[in-house]
Amino acid sequence: MVPTSFAHHGKRAMVAVELWCVRHGEATHNVDFAVRGEAAYVDPRHANSDLTPRGKAQAMRCVLPGTPDIAVTSPLRRAMLTAHIALRPHPDTPLVVLDCIREFPNGEHTPNILFRSQDTWRPTRRETRAELRRRVAQFTQWIRDVAHVHRKVAVFGHTSFFRELLQRDTDLPHARPVVHVLRVT
């Protein structure tokens, strides 16, 4: 039997994938940024920043529009923790970590460092907008590759990545899903 996402003669049909984009809950660097501005982004105290108590409460109040077929998260702690908390009502939902959806810019800003040997973060190099667009394209390709199986995808990530993905010039709220329909072939 041919899956419904494929037309006859081996050509793929257009498929609508719902992305439930969830910005991480409030993190320590977000609070410090409100006080000190850009200095918060290079403060080693915020390396791979954690959720604040308020951020954890926001994640607990996060209600997804339904049960996702799959969930994906950035490898950064604040997004992963938000995902784990928000997915508690959906314990059977697989959770995949994708490096391509981490925060922008990847480099210089300490909240984005992972301290792993394979980390793509570099202390002396700031990621460019073109590189961010390539990561968004990489994520979109990942969605295309799984669209024949997964039509409802919860995405836990960061404001700059979501702004580029959704082509918005406003930030997403902390830990509240924004639904975006992505049409892929």
N, C-alpha and C. Protein backbone atom coordinates (compact mmCIF):
# COMPACT_ATOMS: atom_id res chain seq x y z
N MET A 1 0.84 -1.18 0.00
CA MET A 1 0.00 0.00 0.00
C MET A 1 0.88 1.24 0.00
N VAL A 2 0.55 2.26 -0.81
CA VAL A 2 1.31 3.49 -0.91
C VAL A 2 0.81 4.46 0.16
N PRO A 3 1.72 5.08 0.96
CA PRO A 3 1.29 6.06 1.96
C PRO A 3 0.52 7.20 1.29
N THR A 4 -0.41 7.83 2.05
CA THR A 4 -1.24 8.89 1.50
C THR A 4 -0.44 10.13 1.13
N SER A 5 0.77 10.27 1.63
CA SER A 5 1.57 11.45 1.29
C SER A 5 2.24 11.31 -0.07
N PHE A 6 2.08 10.18 -0.73
CA PHE A 6 2.69 9.97 -2.03
C PHE A 6 1.61 9.88 -3.10
N ALA A 7 1.83 10.60 -4.18
CA ALA A 7 0.93 10.49 -5.32
C ALA A 7 1.36 9.28 -6.14
N HIS A 8 0.59 8.96 -7.13
CA HIS A 8 0.95 7.85 -8.01
C HIS A 8 2.23 8.15 -8.77
N HIS A 9 2.86 7.14 -9.28
CA HIS A 9 4.09 7.23 -10.06
C HIS A 9 5.28 7.69 -9.23
N GLY A 10 5.24 7.50 -7.92
CA GLY A 10 6.38 7.79 -7.06
C GLY A 10 6.59 9.26 -6.73
N LYS A 11 5.70 10.14 -7.11
CA LYS A 11 5.85 11.56 -6.80
C LYS A 11 5.16 11.88 -5.48
N ARG A 12 5.81 12.71 -4.70
CA ARG A 12 5.22 13.10 -3.42
C ARG A 12 4.16 14.16 -3.60
N ALA A 13 3.10 14.04 -2.85
CA ALA A 13 2.04 15.04 -2.83
C ALA A 13 2.36 16.08 -1.76
N MET A 14 1.71 17.21 -1.84
CA MET A 14 1.86 18.25 -0.83
C MET A 14 1.24 17.76 0.48
N VAL A 15 1.97 17.96 1.57
CA VAL A 15 1.53 17.53 2.89
C VAL A 15 1.59 18.72 3.83
N ALA A 16 0.57 18.89 4.66
CA ALA A 16 0.57 19.95 5.67
C ALA A 16 1.05 19.37 6.99
N VAL A 17 2.10 19.97 7.54
CA VAL A 17 2.63 19.55 8.84
C VAL A 17 2.39 20.70 9.82
N GLU A 18 1.73 20.39 10.92
CA GLU A 18 1.53 21.41 11.96
C GLU A 18 2.75 21.44 12.86
N LEU A 19 3.36 22.61 12.95
CA LEU A 19 4.46 22.81 13.90
C LEU A 19 3.90 23.59 15.08
N TRP A 20 4.09 23.05 16.27
CA TRP A 20 3.68 23.74 17.48
C TRP A 20 4.95 24.31 18.09
N CYS A 21 5.25 25.55 17.76
CA CYS A 21 6.51 26.19 18.15
C CYS A 21 6.40 26.72 19.57
N VAL A 22 7.27 26.22 20.45
CA VAL A 22 7.25 26.62 21.85
C VAL A 22 8.62 27.18 22.22
N ARG A 23 8.64 28.47 22.51
CA ARG A 23 9.86 29.08 23.02
C ARG A 23 10.06 28.59 24.46
N HIS A 24 11.29 28.35 24.83
CA HIS A 24 11.59 27.89 26.19
C HIS A 24 11.01 28.84 27.24
N GLY A 25 10.81 28.33 28.45
CA GLY A 25 10.39 29.17 29.57
C GLY A 25 11.48 30.18 29.91
N GLU A 26 11.10 31.14 30.73
CA GLU A 26 12.06 32.18 31.13
C GLU A 26 13.32 31.55 31.71
N ALA A 27 14.48 32.03 31.23
CA ALA A 27 15.77 31.51 31.67
C ALA A 27 16.56 32.61 32.38
N THR A 28 17.62 32.20 33.05
CA THR A 28 18.40 33.15 33.85
C THR A 28 18.93 34.31 33.02
N HIS A 29 19.38 34.03 31.80
CA HIS A 29 19.91 35.13 30.98
C HIS A 29 18.82 36.10 30.54
N ASN A 30 17.56 35.63 30.41
CA ASN A 30 16.46 36.53 30.06
C ASN A 30 16.24 37.57 31.16
N VAL A 31 16.28 37.11 32.41
CA VAL A 31 16.10 38.02 33.55
C VAL A 31 17.25 39.02 33.61
N ASP A 32 18.46 38.51 33.46
CA ASP A 32 19.63 39.38 33.53
C ASP A 32 19.67 40.37 32.36
N PHE A 33 19.22 39.96 31.19
CA PHE A 33 19.19 40.85 30.04
C PHE A 33 18.30 42.06 30.31
N ALA A 34 17.18 41.85 31.01
CA ALA A 34 16.27 42.95 31.34
C ALA A 34 16.96 43.99 32.22
N VAL A 35 17.97 43.55 32.99
CA VAL A 35 18.69 44.46 33.88
C VAL A 35 19.94 45.04 33.22
N ARG A 36 20.75 44.18 32.59
CA ARG A 36 22.07 44.60 32.09
C ARG A 36 22.20 44.64 30.58
N GLY A 37 21.18 44.27 29.86
CA GLY A 37 21.27 44.29 28.40
C GLY A 37 22.21 43.23 27.88
N GLU A 38 22.90 43.54 26.77
CA GLU A 38 23.78 42.59 26.08
C GLU A 38 24.84 41.96 26.97
N ALA A 39 25.23 42.62 28.06
CA ALA A 39 26.26 42.06 28.96
C ALA A 39 25.83 40.70 29.51
N ALA A 40 24.55 40.48 29.64
CA ALA A 40 24.05 39.19 30.14
C ALA A 40 24.42 38.05 29.20
N TYR A 41 24.54 38.35 27.89
CA TYR A 41 24.79 37.31 26.91
C TYR A 41 26.24 36.84 26.86
N VAL A 42 27.13 37.54 27.52
CA VAL A 42 28.53 37.10 27.54
C VAL A 42 29.00 36.80 28.97
N ASP A 43 28.06 36.70 29.88
CA ASP A 43 28.37 36.40 31.28
C ASP A 43 28.48 34.90 31.47
N PRO A 44 29.64 34.41 31.95
CA PRO A 44 29.81 32.96 32.12
C PRO A 44 28.81 32.33 33.10
N ARG A 45 28.19 33.12 33.95
CA ARG A 45 27.17 32.56 34.86
C ARG A 45 25.97 32.01 34.11
N HIS A 46 25.81 32.45 32.88
CA HIS A 46 24.65 32.00 32.09
C HIS A 46 25.01 30.95 31.04
N ALA A 47 26.15 30.30 31.21
CA ALA A 47 26.55 29.25 30.26
C ALA A 47 25.47 28.17 30.24
N ASN A 48 24.96 27.90 29.03
CA ASN A 48 23.86 26.95 28.86
C ASN A 48 22.78 27.19 29.92
N SER A 49 22.26 28.39 29.92
CA SER A 49 21.40 28.89 31.00
C SER A 49 20.23 27.98 31.32
N ASP A 50 19.86 28.02 32.58
CA ASP A 50 18.80 27.18 33.12
C ASP A 50 17.50 27.99 33.19
N LEU A 51 16.40 27.29 33.36
CA LEU A 51 15.12 27.96 33.60
C LEU A 51 15.11 28.55 34.99
N THR A 52 14.45 29.69 35.13
CA THR A 52 14.19 30.26 36.45
C THR A 52 13.00 29.52 37.05
N PRO A 53 12.69 29.71 38.33
CA PRO A 53 11.46 29.12 38.88
C PRO A 53 10.22 29.56 38.08
N ARG A 54 10.20 30.83 37.65
CA ARG A 54 9.08 31.31 36.83
C ARG A 54 9.04 30.55 35.50
N GLY A 55 10.22 30.31 34.90
CA GLY A 55 10.28 29.57 33.63
C GLY A 55 9.77 28.15 33.77
N LYS A 56 10.09 27.51 34.89
CA LYS A 56 9.58 26.16 35.14
C LYS A 56 8.06 26.17 35.29
N ALA A 57 7.55 27.20 35.98
CA ALA A 57 6.09 27.32 36.14
C ALA A 57 5.43 27.57 34.78
N GLN A 58 6.06 28.39 33.93
CA GLN A 58 5.52 28.62 32.59
C GLN A 58 5.46 27.30 31.81
N ALA A 59 6.51 26.50 31.90
CA ALA A 59 6.54 25.22 31.20
C ALA A 59 5.45 24.28 31.73
N MET A 60 5.19 24.31 33.03
CA MET A 60 4.13 23.47 33.60
C MET A 60 2.76 23.90 33.10
N ARG A 61 2.59 25.18 32.79
CA ARG A 61 1.31 25.69 32.28
C ARG A 61 1.19 25.57 30.76
N CYS A 62 2.23 25.15 30.10
CA CYS A 62 2.23 25.03 28.64
C CYS A 62 1.27 23.91 28.23
N VAL A 63 0.28 24.25 27.43
CA VAL A 63 -0.69 23.27 26.95
C VAL A 63 -0.58 23.19 25.43
N LEU A 64 -0.19 22.05 24.96
CA LEU A 64 -0.08 21.83 23.51
C LEU A 64 -1.47 21.67 22.92
N PRO A 65 -1.65 21.96 21.63
CA PRO A 65 -2.97 21.86 21.00
C PRO A 65 -3.52 20.44 20.91
N GLY A 66 -2.73 19.45 21.21
CA GLY A 66 -3.14 18.06 21.13
C GLY A 66 -1.95 17.18 21.48
N THR A 67 -2.01 15.94 21.09
CA THR A 67 -0.88 15.03 21.30
C THR A 67 0.00 15.06 20.06
N PRO A 68 1.25 15.48 20.21
CA PRO A 68 2.12 15.51 19.03
C PRO A 68 2.52 14.11 18.59
N ASP A 69 2.76 13.96 17.29
CA ASP A 69 3.29 12.71 16.78
C ASP A 69 4.75 12.54 17.21
N ILE A 70 5.44 13.65 17.29
CA ILE A 70 6.85 13.67 17.68
C ILE A 70 7.15 15.07 18.23
N ALA A 71 8.15 15.16 19.07
CA ALA A 71 8.60 16.45 19.58
C ALA A 71 10.10 16.57 19.31
N VAL A 72 10.53 17.78 19.01
CA VAL A 72 11.95 18.04 18.81
C VAL A 72 12.35 19.20 19.70
N THR A 73 13.61 19.17 20.13
CA THR A 73 14.10 20.23 20.99
C THR A 73 15.53 20.60 20.63
N SER A 74 15.85 21.82 20.92
CA SER A 74 17.23 22.28 20.86
C SER A 74 18.00 21.52 21.94
N PRO A 75 19.31 21.37 21.79
CA PRO A 75 20.10 20.70 22.82
C PRO A 75 20.37 21.57 24.05
N LEU A 76 19.99 22.85 23.99
CA LEU A 76 20.27 23.74 25.12
C LEU A 76 19.31 23.46 26.27
N ARG A 77 19.86 23.51 27.48
CA ARG A 77 19.15 23.09 28.69
C ARG A 77 17.77 23.72 28.84
N ARG A 78 17.64 25.01 28.61
CA ARG A 78 16.36 25.70 28.83
C ARG A 78 15.27 25.16 27.91
N ALA A 79 15.62 24.83 26.67
CA ALA A 79 14.63 24.27 25.74
C ALA A 79 14.32 22.81 26.11
N MET A 80 15.36 22.04 26.42
CA MET A 80 15.14 20.64 26.78
C MET A 80 14.28 20.50 28.03
N LEU A 81 14.55 21.32 29.04
CA LEU A 81 13.76 21.24 30.27
C LEU A 81 12.31 21.66 30.00
N THR A 82 12.12 22.70 29.22
CA THR A 82 10.76 23.11 28.86
C THR A 82 10.04 21.95 28.16
N ALA A 83 10.73 21.28 27.24
CA ALA A 83 10.13 20.14 26.53
C ALA A 83 9.75 19.02 27.49
N HIS A 84 10.66 18.66 28.36
CA HIS A 84 10.38 17.55 29.29
C HIS A 84 9.19 17.87 30.20
N ILE A 85 9.10 19.11 30.65
CA ILE A 85 7.99 19.49 31.53
C ILE A 85 6.69 19.54 30.73
N ALA A 86 6.69 20.21 29.58
CA ALA A 86 5.46 20.38 28.79
C ALA A 86 4.94 19.07 28.22
N LEU A 87 5.84 18.11 28.02
CA LEU A 87 5.42 16.82 27.44
C LEU A 87 4.97 15.81 28.49
N ARG A 88 4.94 16.17 29.75
CA ARG A 88 4.49 15.22 30.78
C ARG A 88 3.12 14.61 30.49
N PRO A 89 2.16 15.39 29.98
CA PRO A 89 0.86 14.78 29.65
C PRO A 89 0.91 13.85 28.42
N HIS A 90 2.05 13.81 27.74
CA HIS A 90 2.20 13.02 26.52
C HIS A 90 3.43 12.11 26.63
N PRO A 91 3.43 11.18 27.59
CA PRO A 91 4.63 10.39 27.87
C PRO A 91 5.07 9.46 26.74
N ASP A 92 4.19 9.18 25.80
CA ASP A 92 4.56 8.28 24.70
C ASP A 92 5.09 9.02 23.47
N THR A 93 5.13 10.34 23.54
CA THR A 93 5.63 11.13 22.41
C THR A 93 7.15 11.05 22.36
N PRO A 94 7.71 10.60 21.24
CA PRO A 94 9.17 10.57 21.12
C PRO A 94 9.72 11.99 21.12
N LEU A 95 10.87 12.17 21.76
CA LEU A 95 11.54 13.48 21.82
C LEU A 95 12.91 13.34 21.17
N VAL A 96 13.16 14.16 20.16
CA VAL A 96 14.40 14.14 19.39
C VAL A 96 15.14 15.45 19.62
N VAL A 97 16.45 15.38 19.81
CA VAL A 97 17.28 16.58 19.98
C VAL A 97 17.91 16.90 18.63
N LEU A 98 17.70 18.15 18.17
CA LEU A 98 18.27 18.61 16.90
C LEU A 98 19.14 19.83 17.14
N ASP A 99 20.42 19.72 16.84
CA ASP A 99 21.33 20.84 17.05
C ASP A 99 20.97 22.04 16.16
N CYS A 100 20.36 21.79 15.02
CA CYS A 100 20.07 22.88 14.08
C CYS A 100 19.05 23.88 14.61
N ILE A 101 18.30 23.55 15.67
CA ILE A 101 17.31 24.50 16.16
C ILE A 101 17.76 25.25 17.41
N ARG A 102 19.06 25.23 17.68
CA ARG A 102 19.55 25.98 18.84
C ARG A 102 19.48 27.48 18.57
N GLU A 103 19.71 28.26 19.61
CA GLU A 103 19.58 29.72 19.54
C GLU A 103 20.60 30.35 18.60
N PHE A 104 20.26 31.50 18.08
CA PHE A 104 21.14 32.34 17.26
C PHE A 104 21.54 33.54 18.10
N PRO A 105 22.75 34.01 18.04
CA PRO A 105 23.85 33.46 17.27
C PRO A 105 24.55 32.34 18.03
N ASN A 106 24.97 31.35 17.30
CA ASN A 106 25.72 30.24 17.88
C ASN A 106 27.18 30.66 17.89
N GLY A 107 27.66 31.10 19.05
CA GLY A 107 29.02 31.59 19.19
C GLY A 107 29.00 32.88 19.98
N GLU A 108 30.01 33.11 20.76
CA GLU A 108 30.18 34.27 21.63
C GLU A 108 29.20 34.31 22.79
N HIS A 109 27.91 34.20 22.53
CA HIS A 109 26.92 34.30 23.61
C HIS A 109 26.97 33.07 24.51
N THR A 110 27.27 33.28 25.78
CA THR A 110 27.44 32.16 26.71
C THR A 110 26.18 31.35 26.98
N PRO A 111 24.95 31.91 26.90
CA PRO A 111 23.79 31.04 27.13
C PRO A 111 23.67 29.90 26.11
N ASN A 112 24.44 29.97 25.04
CA ASN A 112 24.31 28.99 23.97
C ASN A 112 25.42 27.94 23.93
N ILE A 113 26.27 27.91 24.93
CA ILE A 113 27.37 26.94 24.96
C ILE A 113 26.91 25.65 25.64
N LEU A 114 27.39 24.53 25.14
CA LEU A 114 27.00 23.22 25.68
C LEU A 114 28.12 22.51 26.44
N PHE A 115 29.36 22.88 26.23
CA PHE A 115 30.49 22.20 26.86
C PHE A 115 30.60 20.74 26.45
N ARG A 116 30.35 20.45 25.17
CA ARG A 116 30.53 19.10 24.64
C ARG A 116 31.65 19.17 23.62
N SER A 117 32.38 18.08 23.45
CA SER A 117 33.47 18.09 22.48
C SER A 117 32.96 18.32 21.06
N GLN A 118 31.76 17.88 20.76
CA GLN A 118 31.21 18.05 19.42
C GLN A 118 30.38 19.32 19.29
N ASP A 119 30.44 20.21 20.27
CA ASP A 119 29.66 21.44 20.26
C ASP A 119 30.05 22.33 19.08
N THR A 120 29.07 22.90 18.41
CA THR A 120 29.33 23.79 17.28
C THR A 120 29.56 25.23 17.73
N TRP A 121 29.41 25.52 19.02
CA TRP A 121 29.61 26.86 19.58
C TRP A 121 31.10 27.17 19.61
N ARG A 122 31.47 28.41 19.28
CA ARG A 122 32.86 28.85 19.34
C ARG A 122 32.94 30.19 20.06
N PRO A 123 33.86 30.35 21.02
CA PRO A 123 33.91 31.59 21.82
C PRO A 123 34.33 32.82 21.03
N THR A 124 35.04 32.66 19.94
CA THR A 124 35.57 33.82 19.21
C THR A 124 34.91 34.01 17.86
N ARG A 125 33.86 33.28 17.58
CA ARG A 125 33.21 33.38 16.28
C ARG A 125 31.71 33.47 16.44
N ARG A 126 31.13 34.47 15.86
CA ARG A 126 29.69 34.67 15.91
C ARG A 126 29.05 34.18 14.61
N GLU A 127 28.03 33.37 14.73
CA GLU A 127 27.30 32.85 13.58
C GLU A 127 26.68 34.00 12.77
N THR A 128 26.63 33.84 11.45
CA THR A 128 26.04 34.85 10.58
C THR A 128 24.56 34.54 10.32
N ARG A 129 23.83 35.51 9.82
CA ARG A 129 22.42 35.31 9.44
C ARG A 129 22.31 34.24 8.36
N ALA A 130 23.25 34.24 7.42
CA ALA A 130 23.23 33.23 6.35
C ALA A 130 23.36 31.83 6.95
N GLU A 131 24.19 31.68 7.96
CA GLU A 131 24.34 30.38 8.62
C GLU A 131 23.06 30.00 9.36
N LEU A 132 22.40 30.98 9.98
CA LEU A 132 21.11 30.70 10.62
C LEU A 132 20.10 30.24 9.58
N ARG A 133 20.05 30.91 8.44
CA ARG A 133 19.12 30.50 7.39
C ARG A 133 19.41 29.07 6.91
N ARG A 134 20.68 28.69 6.86
CA ARG A 134 21.03 27.31 6.48
C ARG A 134 20.53 26.33 7.54
N ARG A 135 20.62 26.70 8.83
CA ARG A 135 20.09 25.81 9.87
C ARG A 135 18.57 25.68 9.77
N VAL A 136 17.88 26.78 9.45
CA VAL A 136 16.43 26.73 9.27
C VAL A 136 16.09 25.83 8.08
N ALA A 137 16.86 25.93 7.00
CA ALA A 137 16.66 25.06 5.83
C ALA A 137 16.92 23.60 6.20
N GLN A 138 17.93 23.36 7.03
CA GLN A 138 18.23 22.00 7.49
C GLN A 138 17.05 21.44 8.30
N PHE A 139 16.48 22.25 9.18
CA PHE A 139 15.32 21.83 9.96
C PHE A 139 14.12 21.56 9.05
N THR A 140 13.88 22.45 8.10
CA THR A 140 12.76 22.27 7.17
C THR A 140 12.92 20.99 6.37
N GLN A 141 14.14 20.68 5.98
CA GLN A 141 14.40 19.42 5.28
C GLN A 141 14.12 18.23 6.20
N TRP A 142 14.48 18.34 7.46
CA TRP A 142 14.20 17.27 8.42
C TRP A 142 12.69 17.04 8.50
N ILE A 143 11.92 18.13 8.53
CA ILE A 143 10.46 18.02 8.56
C ILE A 143 9.96 17.32 7.29
N ARG A 144 10.50 17.71 6.14
CA ARG A 144 10.12 17.04 4.88
C ARG A 144 10.39 15.53 4.96
N ASP A 145 11.52 15.19 5.53
CA ASP A 145 11.91 13.78 5.60
C ASP A 145 11.01 12.95 6.51
N VAL A 146 10.38 13.58 7.50
CA VAL A 146 9.53 12.81 8.42
C VAL A 146 8.04 13.06 8.20
N ALA A 147 7.69 13.94 7.25
CA ALA A 147 6.28 14.33 7.05
C ALA A 147 5.39 13.16 6.67
N HIS A 148 5.94 12.12 6.08
CA HIS A 148 5.11 10.97 5.70
C HIS A 148 4.64 10.19 6.93
N VAL A 149 5.27 10.45 8.08
CA VAL A 149 4.91 9.75 9.32
C VAL A 149 4.37 10.71 10.38
N HIS A 150 4.96 11.91 10.47
CA HIS A 150 4.64 12.85 11.55
C HIS A 150 4.01 14.12 11.00
N ARG A 151 2.75 14.37 11.36
CA ARG A 151 2.03 15.55 10.87
C ARG A 151 1.83 16.61 11.94
N LYS A 152 2.03 16.24 13.21
CA LYS A 152 1.90 17.18 14.33
C LYS A 152 3.21 17.13 15.10
N VAL A 153 3.98 18.23 15.01
CA VAL A 153 5.33 18.26 15.57
C VAL A 153 5.44 19.39 16.57
N ALA A 154 5.73 19.05 17.83
CA ALA A 154 6.01 20.07 18.85
C ALA A 154 7.50 20.41 18.75
N VAL A 155 7.81 21.70 18.63
CA VAL A 155 9.18 22.16 18.46
C VAL A 155 9.53 23.08 19.63
N PHE A 156 10.50 22.67 20.45
CA PHE A 156 10.91 23.45 21.62
C PHE A 156 12.24 24.11 21.31
N GLY A 157 12.23 25.44 21.28
CA GLY A 157 13.43 26.14 20.87
C GLY A 157 13.54 27.55 21.39
N HIS A 158 14.02 28.42 20.50
CA HIS A 158 14.48 29.76 20.89
C HIS A 158 13.93 30.83 19.97
N THR A 159 13.83 32.02 20.52
CA THR A 159 13.17 33.11 19.81
C THR A 159 13.80 33.45 18.47
N SER A 160 15.11 33.55 18.39
CA SER A 160 15.74 33.95 17.12
C SER A 160 15.55 32.89 16.05
N PHE A 161 15.64 31.63 16.42
CA PHE A 161 15.40 30.56 15.45
C PHE A 161 13.96 30.61 14.95
N PHE A 162 13.00 30.77 15.88
CA PHE A 162 11.60 30.80 15.48
C PHE A 162 11.28 32.04 14.64
N ARG A 163 11.91 33.17 14.96
CA ARG A 163 11.68 34.37 14.15
C ARG A 163 12.06 34.12 12.69
N GLU A 164 13.18 33.44 12.48
CA GLU A 164 13.63 33.15 11.11
C GLU A 164 12.73 32.09 10.47
N LEU A 165 12.41 31.04 11.20
CA LEU A 165 11.57 29.97 10.66
C LEU A 165 10.19 30.48 10.27
N LEU A 166 9.59 31.28 11.14
CA LEU A 166 8.22 31.74 10.94
C LEU A 166 8.14 33.06 10.18
N GLN A 167 9.32 33.66 9.90
CA GLN A 167 9.38 34.97 9.23
C GLN A 167 8.56 36.01 9.99
N ARG A 168 8.85 36.10 11.30
CA ARG A 168 8.18 37.06 12.20
C ARG A 168 9.21 38.06 12.69
N ASP A 169 8.75 39.26 13.01
CA ASP A 169 9.68 40.19 13.63
C ASP A 169 9.30 40.47 15.08
N THR A 170 8.52 39.58 15.66
CA THR A 170 8.21 39.68 17.09
C THR A 170 8.59 38.38 17.76
N ASP A 171 8.89 38.47 19.05
CA ASP A 171 9.27 37.29 19.82
C ASP A 171 8.06 36.43 20.14
N LEU A 172 8.28 35.15 20.26
CA LEU A 172 7.24 34.26 20.74
C LEU A 172 7.18 34.40 22.26
N PRO A 173 6.01 34.19 22.84
CA PRO A 173 5.92 34.22 24.30
C PRO A 173 6.63 33.00 24.89
N HIS A 174 7.05 33.12 26.15
CA HIS A 174 7.67 31.99 26.82
C HIS A 174 6.65 30.88 27.05
N ALA A 175 7.00 29.66 26.62
CA ALA A 175 6.27 28.43 26.93
C ALA A 175 4.79 28.47 26.55
N ARG A 176 4.48 29.10 25.42
CA ARG A 176 3.11 29.07 24.89
C ARG A 176 3.19 28.72 23.41
N PRO A 177 2.53 27.66 22.99
CA PRO A 177 2.64 27.20 21.60
C PRO A 177 2.08 28.21 20.60
N VAL A 178 2.80 28.36 19.52
CA VAL A 178 2.34 29.12 18.36
C VAL A 178 2.25 28.10 17.22
N VAL A 179 1.07 27.95 16.65
CA VAL A 179 0.86 26.95 15.61
C VAL A 179 1.22 27.55 14.25
N HIS A 180 2.01 26.79 13.51
CA HIS A 180 2.42 27.18 12.16
C HIS A 180 2.26 25.97 11.26
N VAL A 181 1.57 26.14 10.15
CA VAL A 181 1.39 25.05 9.21
C VAL A 181 2.45 25.18 8.13
N LEU A 182 3.23 24.14 7.97
CA LEU A 182 4.29 24.09 6.98
C LEU A 182 3.85 23.10 5.90
N ARG A 183 3.79 23.58 4.67
CA ARG A 183 3.41 22.71 3.54
C ARG A 183 4.68 22.23 2.87
N VAL A 184 4.81 20.91 2.82
CA VAL A 184 6.02 20.31 2.26
C VAL A 184 5.65 19.25 1.24
N THR A 185 6.61 18.92 0.39
CA THR A 185 6.41 17.84 -0.58
C THR A 185 7.33 16.71 -0.24
